[in-house]
Amino acid sequence: MTHHNIIELLTQDMKDEHAAIIQYLTHAYAMGEGELACEIEAIAREEMRHFDWLAETIVELGGVPSIERGKMRMDGSSIADFMQNDVLAEEGAIEQYEAHIKAIEDPKIKRLLERILSDEKAHRDKFVHFVEKARKHEAKDQRGGRQDEVTKVLDWGIEHEYTVVLQYLIHSYMVKNAEAKKELEDQAVNEMQHLGWLAEEMVSGGGTPRIEYSKVFHSPRFEENLEADIKIEREVADMYDKAAQKLKDPDLKKLLVRIRDHENYHEKVFKDLRGKDK
């Protein structure tokens, strides 16, 4: 099997890991606060680790990681239904990884996929348990239909945060400098925190988070990527500041100001990376 063929298989896996991350986070946010939501978010973080491993392997093979998202299972009318969909997602992942392990001869990549497969089997068993747990405790979807200026701000923030998570990750995978790679990864993690805060705020306020991303900037040149990252941080910090000034809810204002401060920090971090990939 050629590197091109392996990259195709790993890209398929990467897309499906991406889908699993967003599917599980959406289900966790739908529950509001609680033990079950925290457990599902922990599984999503493990899927993020898989996503990273696959991306790094694709780069080692000479490819470019994909940020496309695979198919998600988002139907159902109860938390138990959502957990059953997550069981199905894991069963599909297990079947696919088993097939890819058989198809790929490279021992290092086979070991990686076997490692991921072990996690997916554990995740499946947890979700099977979560189905019964959700039924026993009659867990309910906490999301509502609120649509107003507040939810518009939150929707915008969620879309932005999701977009830059992907943008900074793809930039980190392709950069050679270790310091730049680490900083881009660290800021992506921080942006993922922002996404979670905004989504949880949306649900607690009676709305429904819409986790979709917009256009991601990516160039083969590190400096062009870095300038795009600096520009978006500068612009979004200003937008968070203006949004905070318009809102009446003091807690939400504090949250947006906190995120604004983080974005200002990101801009400074990225400026320090200029010239680092030479």
Protein backbone atom coordinates (compact mmCIF):
# COMPACT_ATOMS: atom_id res chain seq x y z
CA MET A 1 0.00 0.00 0.00
CA THR A 2 1.40 3.41 -0.99
CA HIS A 3 1.66 6.44 1.29
CA HIS A 4 -1.13 8.01 -0.75
CA ASN A 5 -3.42 5.06 -0.02
CA ILE A 6 -2.60 5.14 3.68
CA ILE A 7 -3.22 8.89 3.82
CA GLU A 8 -6.66 8.31 2.27
CA LEU A 9 -7.55 5.79 5.00
CA LEU A 10 -6.22 7.97 7.82
CA THR A 11 -8.05 10.99 6.41
CA GLN A 12 -11.29 9.01 6.55
CA ASP A 13 -10.52 8.14 10.17
CA MET A 14 -9.69 11.77 10.94
CA LYS A 15 -12.97 13.04 9.50
CA ASP A 16 -14.90 10.54 11.60
CA GLU A 17 -12.98 11.48 14.76
CA HIS A 18 -13.90 15.10 14.05
CA ALA A 19 -17.56 14.11 13.73
CA ALA A 20 -17.41 12.13 16.97
CA ILE A 21 -15.92 15.08 18.86
CA ILE A 22 -18.72 17.44 17.85
CA GLN A 23 -21.45 14.83 18.23
CA TYR A 24 -20.36 14.00 21.77
CA LEU A 25 -19.85 17.63 22.79
CA THR A 26 -23.29 18.53 21.45
CA HIS A 27 -24.83 15.73 23.51
CA ALA A 28 -22.86 16.75 26.60
CA TYR A 29 -23.88 20.40 26.29
CA ALA A 30 -27.52 19.35 25.83
CA MET A 31 -27.49 17.90 29.35
CA GLY A 32 -26.32 21.06 31.07
CA GLU A 33 -24.24 20.44 34.18
CA GLY A 34 -23.82 17.02 35.76
CA GLU A 35 -21.73 13.88 36.03
CA LEU A 36 -22.90 12.32 32.79
CA ALA A 37 -22.10 15.44 30.76
CA CYS A 38 -18.60 15.55 32.28
CA GLU A 39 -17.99 11.90 31.42
CA ILE A 40 -19.01 12.47 27.81
CA GLU A 41 -16.80 15.55 27.52
CA ALA A 42 -13.90 13.40 28.75
CA ILE A 43 -14.56 10.93 25.92
CA ALA A 44 -14.64 13.82 23.43
CA ARG A 45 -11.21 14.90 24.68
CA GLU A 46 -9.88 11.40 24.01
CA GLU A 47 -11.27 11.62 20.47
CA MET A 48 -9.43 14.93 20.11
CA ARG A 49 -6.23 13.11 20.99
CA HIS A 50 -6.95 10.57 18.24
CA PHE A 51 -7.58 13.43 15.82
CA ASP A 52 -4.15 14.88 16.67
CA TRP A 53 -2.35 11.55 16.31
CA LEU A 54 -3.90 10.92 12.92
CA ALA A 55 -3.08 14.43 11.72
CA GLU A 56 0.56 14.14 12.77
CA THR A 57 0.85 10.76 11.04
CA ILE A 58 -0.61 12.17 7.83
CA VAL A 59 1.98 14.97 7.90
CA GLU A 60 4.79 12.44 8.46
CA LEU A 61 3.59 10.62 5.33
CA GLY A 62 3.74 13.84 3.31
CA GLY A 63 0.05 14.68 3.37
CA VAL A 64 -2.06 17.58 4.61
CA PRO A 65 -4.58 16.84 7.40
CA SER A 66 -8.24 17.40 6.64
CA ILE A 67 -10.57 19.55 8.72
CA GLU A 68 -13.65 18.14 7.02
CA ARG A 69 -16.18 16.57 9.36
CA GLY A 70 -17.67 13.14 8.83
CA LYS A 71 -21.32 12.20 9.25
CA MET A 72 -22.88 12.75 12.66
CA ARG A 73 -25.86 10.97 14.21
CA MET A 74 -27.91 13.82 15.65
CA ASP A 75 -31.48 12.47 15.60
CA GLY A 76 -33.41 11.29 18.64
CA SER A 77 -35.71 12.97 21.14
CA SER A 78 -34.16 11.97 24.48
CA ILE A 79 -30.77 11.74 26.16
CA ALA A 80 -31.05 7.94 25.99
CA ASP A 81 -31.54 8.25 22.22
CA PHE A 82 -28.44 10.45 22.01
CA MET A 83 -26.41 7.87 23.95
CA GLN A 84 -27.61 5.13 21.64
CA ASN A 85 -26.44 7.19 18.67
CA ASP A 86 -23.06 7.47 20.36
CA VAL A 87 -22.97 3.68 20.74
CA LEU A 88 -23.61 3.39 17.00
CA ALA A 89 -20.85 5.92 16.27
CA GLU A 90 -18.38 3.87 18.29
CA GLU A 91 -19.45 0.62 16.67
CA GLY A 92 -18.88 2.17 13.26
CA ALA A 93 -15.45 3.42 14.35
CA ILE A 94 -14.47 -0.01 15.67
CA GLU A 95 -15.44 -1.70 12.41
CA GLN A 96 -13.55 0.90 10.35
CA TYR A 97 -10.37 0.80 12.43
CA GLU A 98 -10.33 -3.00 12.34
CA ALA A 99 -10.56 -2.87 8.54
CA HIS A 100 -7.79 -0.25 8.28
CA ILE A 101 -5.51 -2.20 10.61
CA LYS A 102 -5.84 -5.22 8.31
CA ALA A 103 -5.24 -3.13 5.19
CA ILE A 104 -2.17 -1.19 6.39
CA GLU A 105 1.18 -3.00 6.56
CA ASP A 106 3.30 -0.28 8.20
CA PRO A 107 3.90 -1.60 11.77
CA LYS A 108 4.11 1.84 13.39
CA ILE A 109 0.78 2.98 11.92
CA LYS A 110 -0.84 -0.37 12.74
CA ARG A 111 0.21 0.08 16.39
CA LEU A 112 -1.28 3.56 16.45
CA LEU A 113 -4.61 2.38 15.04
CA GLU A 114 -4.66 -0.55 17.46
CA ARG A 115 -4.14 1.93 20.30
CA ILE A 116 -7.04 4.06 19.06
CA LEU A 117 -9.18 0.95 18.57
CA SER A 118 -8.69 0.05 22.22
CA ASP A 119 -10.11 3.44 23.23
CA GLU A 120 -13.08 3.12 20.88
CA LYS A 121 -14.04 -0.23 22.39
CA ALA A 122 -13.90 1.30 25.85
CA HIS A 123 -15.98 4.26 24.66
CA ARG A 124 -18.62 1.94 23.18
CA ASP A 125 -18.97 0.11 26.49
CA LYS A 126 -19.29 3.41 28.36
CA PHE A 127 -22.00 4.67 26.04
CA VAL A 128 -23.92 1.39 26.41
CA HIS A 129 -23.84 2.05 30.15
CA PHE A 130 -24.84 5.68 29.59
CA VAL A 131 -27.98 4.59 27.70
CA GLU A 132 -29.21 2.77 30.80
CA LYS A 133 -28.01 5.54 33.09
CA ALA A 134 -29.93 8.16 31.11
CA ARG A 135 -33.08 6.05 31.23
CA LYS A 136 -32.75 5.34 34.94
CA HIS A 137 -32.28 8.97 35.88
CA GLU A 138 -34.69 10.23 33.20
CA ALA A 139 -32.06 12.65 31.93
CA LYS A 140 -33.60 15.40 29.86
CA ASP A 141 -32.42 17.64 27.06
CA GLN A 142 -31.88 21.05 28.65
CA ARG A 143 -31.78 23.01 25.41
CA GLY A 144 -34.54 25.44 24.52
CA GLY A 145 -35.80 27.59 21.68
CA ARG A 146 -34.67 31.01 22.88
CA GLN A 147 -33.68 33.30 20.00
CA ASP A 148 -32.77 36.91 20.71
CA GLU A 149 -29.79 39.26 20.66
CA VAL A 150 -28.05 37.29 23.40
CA THR A 151 -28.30 34.00 21.52
CA LYS A 152 -27.10 35.75 18.35
CA VAL A 153 -23.95 36.84 20.18
CA LEU A 154 -23.43 33.36 21.59
CA ASP A 155 -24.00 31.73 18.20
CA TRP A 156 -21.45 34.06 16.64
CA GLY A 157 -18.95 33.32 19.41
CA ILE A 158 -19.38 29.54 19.13
CA GLU A 159 -18.88 29.63 15.36
CA HIS A 160 -15.78 31.78 15.71
CA GLU A 161 -14.23 29.62 18.43
CA TYR A 162 -14.84 26.39 16.52
CA THR A 163 -13.36 27.92 13.38
CA VAL A 164 -10.16 29.10 15.03
CA VAL A 165 -9.70 25.81 16.87
CA LEU A 166 -9.51 24.13 13.46
CA GLN A 167 -7.41 26.92 11.96
CA TYR A 168 -4.79 26.88 14.71
CA LEU A 169 -4.64 23.09 14.74
CA ILE A 170 -4.07 22.81 10.99
CA HIS A 171 -1.39 25.50 11.27
CA SER A 172 0.25 23.64 14.15
CA TYR A 173 0.35 20.37 12.25
CA MET A 174 2.16 21.92 9.30
CA VAL A 175 4.72 24.10 11.11
CA LYS A 176 8.21 22.72 11.78
CA ASN A 177 9.32 24.95 14.64
CA ALA A 178 8.62 23.27 18.00
CA GLU A 179 7.86 26.51 19.86
CA ALA A 180 5.39 27.67 17.20
CA LYS A 181 3.73 24.24 17.13
CA LYS A 182 3.26 24.21 20.90
CA GLU A 183 1.89 27.76 21.08
CA LEU A 184 -0.58 27.14 18.27
CA GLU A 185 -1.76 23.94 19.95
CA ASP A 186 -2.06 25.68 23.34
CA GLN A 187 -4.14 28.53 21.93
CA ALA A 188 -6.37 26.02 20.09
CA VAL A 189 -7.03 24.30 23.42
CA ASN A 190 -7.92 27.66 24.98
CA GLU A 191 -10.30 28.43 22.11
CA MET A 192 -11.96 25.05 22.69
CA GLN A 193 -12.52 26.10 26.30
CA HIS A 194 -14.18 29.26 25.05
CA LEU A 195 -16.47 27.21 22.83
CA GLY A 196 -17.52 25.14 25.82
CA TRP A 197 -18.18 28.18 28.00
CA LEU A 198 -20.32 29.82 25.32
CA ALA A 199 -22.25 26.63 24.54
CA GLU A 200 -22.97 26.03 28.22
CA GLU A 201 -24.08 29.65 28.59
CA MET A 202 -26.41 29.16 25.63
CA VAL A 203 -28.05 26.09 27.17
CA SER A 204 -28.35 27.61 30.65
CA GLY A 205 -30.08 30.62 29.06
CA GLY A 206 -32.65 28.50 27.24
CA GLY A 207 -31.04 28.36 23.82
CA THR A 208 -29.55 25.65 21.60
CA PRO A 209 -25.89 25.82 20.55
CA ARG A 210 -25.24 25.49 16.81
CA ILE A 211 -21.74 24.11 16.49
CA GLU A 212 -20.65 24.89 12.94
CA TYR A 213 -17.50 26.47 11.59
CA SER A 214 -16.93 29.07 8.89
CA LYS A 215 -14.02 29.49 6.47
CA VAL A 216 -10.64 28.36 7.76
CA PHE A 217 -7.57 30.16 6.41
CA HIS A 218 -4.68 27.90 5.46
CA SER A 219 -1.61 28.60 3.37
CA PRO A 220 1.47 26.45 2.75
CA ARG A 221 3.50 29.39 4.10
CA PHE A 222 3.82 29.70 7.88
CA GLU A 223 4.15 33.50 7.86
CA GLU A 224 0.90 33.92 5.93
CA ASN A 225 -0.90 31.63 8.37
CA LEU A 226 0.54 33.52 11.33
CA GLU A 227 -0.51 36.91 9.98
CA ALA A 228 -4.03 35.56 9.42
CA ASP A 229 -4.09 34.30 13.01
CA ILE A 230 -2.91 37.67 14.35
CA LYS A 231 -5.50 39.50 12.27
CA ILE A 232 -8.41 37.33 13.40
CA GLU A 233 -7.42 37.66 17.06
CA ARG A 234 -7.24 41.44 16.80
CA GLU A 235 -10.63 41.64 15.09
CA VAL A 236 -12.43 39.20 17.35
CA ALA A 237 -11.13 40.81 20.56
CA ASP A 238 -12.72 44.07 19.41
CA MET A 239 -15.96 42.28 18.58
CA TYR A 240 -16.14 40.59 21.98
CA ASP A 241 -15.51 43.96 23.62
CA LYS A 242 -18.33 45.63 21.69
CA ALA A 243 -20.70 42.73 22.36
CA ALA A 244 -19.95 42.87 26.10
CA GLN A 245 -20.75 46.58 26.22
CA LYS A 246 -24.21 45.98 24.71
CA LEU A 247 -25.27 43.11 26.99
CA LYS A 248 -27.14 43.69 30.25
CA ASP A 249 -26.45 40.35 31.95
CA PRO A 250 -23.46 41.03 34.26
CA ASP A 251 -22.23 37.43 34.29
CA LEU A 252 -22.33 37.15 30.52
CA LYS A 253 -20.55 40.50 30.21
CA LYS A 254 -17.79 39.19 32.48
CA LEU A 255 -17.49 36.04 30.39
CA LEU A 256 -17.11 37.95 27.14
CA VAL A 257 -14.58 40.31 28.69
CA ARG A 258 -12.60 37.32 29.94
CA ILE A 259 -12.60 35.78 26.47
CA ARG A 260 -11.64 39.17 24.98
CA ASP A 261 -8.63 39.28 27.30
CA HIS A 262 -7.61 35.79 26.20
CA GLU A 263 -7.85 36.81 22.56
CA ASN A 264 -5.63 39.82 23.21
CA TYR A 265 -3.12 37.47 24.79
CA HIS A 266 -3.26 35.13 21.78
CA GLU A 267 -2.49 38.02 19.46
CA LYS A 268 0.63 38.89 21.44
CA VAL A 269 1.74 35.25 21.54
CA PHE A 270 1.34 34.94 17.78
CA LYS A 271 3.28 38.17 17.18
CA ASP A 272 6.19 36.68 19.14
CA LEU A 273 6.22 33.73 16.74
CA ARG A 274 7.10 35.87 13.71
CA GLY A 275 10.19 34.48 12.04
CA LYS A 276 10.20 31.31 14.16
CA ASP A 277 9.77 28.89 11.26
CA LYS A 278 12.90 29.93 9.38
